[in-house]
């Protein structure tokens, strides 16, 4: 039982660290200039993105590509500029994090 508690505690720490790391990555890559977790800014709130793609298994890969290449037309809010400073691994990390916001 003691081992199980230790595993659960370690998992919680790791998961909270990943969430924090992704928020820090979003800050570092300037995502939060246009987006917020809970409120619409220039772009949609991350919780709204997560809700829109909740049942879409391929959403993380498509959003990661959109983070890097930019896009328009999905939210009727203008153009999301390309972010070439975000590498593929970072884009996938950000996309998965955005999709986890509920």
Protein backbone atom coordinates (compact mmCIF):
# COMPACT_ATOMS: atom_id res chain seq x y z
CA UNK A 1 0.00 0.00 0.00
CA UNK A 2 2.86 2.34 0.84
CA UNK A 3 4.39 1.68 -2.57
CA UNK A 4 1.09 2.38 -4.32
CA UNK A 5 0.81 5.73 -2.52
CA UNK A 6 4.34 6.61 -3.56
CA UNK A 7 3.57 5.76 -7.19
CA UNK A 8 0.37 7.81 -7.15
CA UNK A 9 2.17 10.76 -5.56
CA UNK A 10 5.00 10.59 -8.07
CA UNK A 11 2.54 10.42 -10.96
CA UNK A 12 0.68 13.48 -9.68
CA UNK A 13 3.92 15.40 -9.38
CA UNK A 14 4.99 14.43 -12.88
CA UNK A 15 1.64 15.31 -14.40
CA UNK A 16 1.48 18.67 -12.66
CA UNK A 17 5.03 19.31 -13.83
CA UNK A 18 4.02 18.57 -17.42
CA UNK A 19 1.10 20.97 -17.17
CA UNK A 20 3.35 23.65 -15.71
CA UNK A 21 6.01 22.96 -18.30
CA UNK A 22 3.47 23.34 -21.09
CA UNK A 23 2.17 26.62 -19.65
CA UNK A 24 5.76 27.80 -19.45
CA UNK A 25 6.33 26.67 -23.03
CA UNK A 26 3.21 28.56 -24.13
CA UNK A 27 4.58 31.66 -22.40
CA UNK A 28 8.04 31.19 -23.88
CA UNK A 29 6.67 30.80 -27.41
CA UNK A 30 4.39 33.87 -27.04
CA UNK A 31 1.16 31.85 -27.41
CA UNK A 32 -0.41 33.69 -24.49
CA UNK A 33 -0.26 37.01 -26.31
CA UNK A 34 -3.24 35.86 -28.39
CA UNK A 35 -4.68 33.01 -26.29
CA UNK A 36 -5.77 32.42 -22.71
CA UNK A 37 -6.73 29.18 -21.03
CA UNK A 38 -10.22 30.30 -20.02
CA UNK A 39 -11.09 33.49 -21.93
CA UNK A 40 -11.22 34.48 -25.58
CA UNK A 41 -8.56 37.03 -26.54
CA UNK A 42 -7.38 37.63 -30.08
CA UNK A 43 -7.74 33.87 -30.56
CA UNK A 44 -10.00 31.32 -28.90
CA UNK A 45 -9.63 30.21 -25.29
CA UNK A 46 -7.78 26.94 -24.94
CA UNK A 47 -10.75 25.43 -23.07
CA UNK A 48 -12.91 26.19 -26.12
CA UNK A 49 -10.37 24.56 -28.44
CA UNK A 50 -10.32 21.49 -26.16
CA UNK A 51 -14.12 21.32 -26.21
CA UNK A 52 -14.32 21.66 -29.99
CA UNK A 53 -11.87 18.80 -30.57
CA UNK A 54 -12.77 16.63 -27.57
CA UNK A 55 -13.78 13.60 -29.67
CA UNK A 56 -11.27 14.08 -32.47
CA UNK A 57 -8.46 11.52 -32.22
CA UNK A 58 -6.31 13.28 -34.84
CA UNK A 59 -6.66 16.75 -33.37
CA UNK A 60 -3.29 16.89 -31.61
CA UNK A 61 -1.33 16.28 -34.81
CA UNK A 62 -3.44 18.75 -36.82
CA UNK A 63 -3.23 21.44 -34.15
CA UNK A 64 0.54 20.92 -33.86
CA UNK A 65 0.84 21.49 -37.61
CA UNK A 66 -1.37 24.58 -37.37
CA UNK A 67 0.74 25.97 -34.52
CA UNK A 68 3.78 25.83 -36.79
CA UNK A 69 2.20 26.78 -40.12
CA UNK A 70 -0.53 29.17 -38.95
CA UNK A 71 -4.07 29.16 -40.27
CA UNK A 72 -7.35 30.94 -40.73
CA UNK A 73 -11.08 30.37 -40.92
CA UNK A 74 -11.73 27.89 -38.13
CA UNK A 75 -12.77 30.38 -35.42
CA UNK A 76 -13.75 33.39 -37.57
CA UNK A 77 -11.25 35.48 -35.64
CA UNK A 78 -8.66 36.37 -38.24
CA UNK A 79 -5.33 34.81 -39.03
CA UNK A 80 -3.16 32.80 -36.68
CA UNK A 81 0.38 33.57 -37.81
CA UNK A 82 2.95 30.86 -38.46
CA UNK A 83 5.27 30.06 -35.57
CA UNK A 84 8.46 28.67 -37.12
CA UNK A 85 10.30 29.20 -33.82
CA UNK A 86 8.25 26.30 -32.41
CA UNK A 87 9.77 22.97 -33.38
CA UNK A 88 7.64 19.88 -34.12
CA UNK A 89 8.08 18.33 -30.66
CA UNK A 90 7.19 21.61 -28.93
CA UNK A 91 4.16 22.05 -31.17
CA UNK A 92 2.88 18.58 -30.31
CA UNK A 93 3.48 19.21 -26.60
CA UNK A 94 1.54 22.48 -26.84
CA UNK A 95 -1.28 20.91 -28.84
CA UNK A 96 -1.72 18.07 -26.34
CA UNK A 97 -1.65 20.55 -23.48
CA UNK A 98 -4.24 22.79 -25.15
CA UNK A 99 -6.48 19.77 -25.72
CA UNK A 100 -6.21 18.87 -22.03
CA UNK A 101 -7.69 22.22 -20.93
CA UNK A 102 -11.28 21.65 -19.88
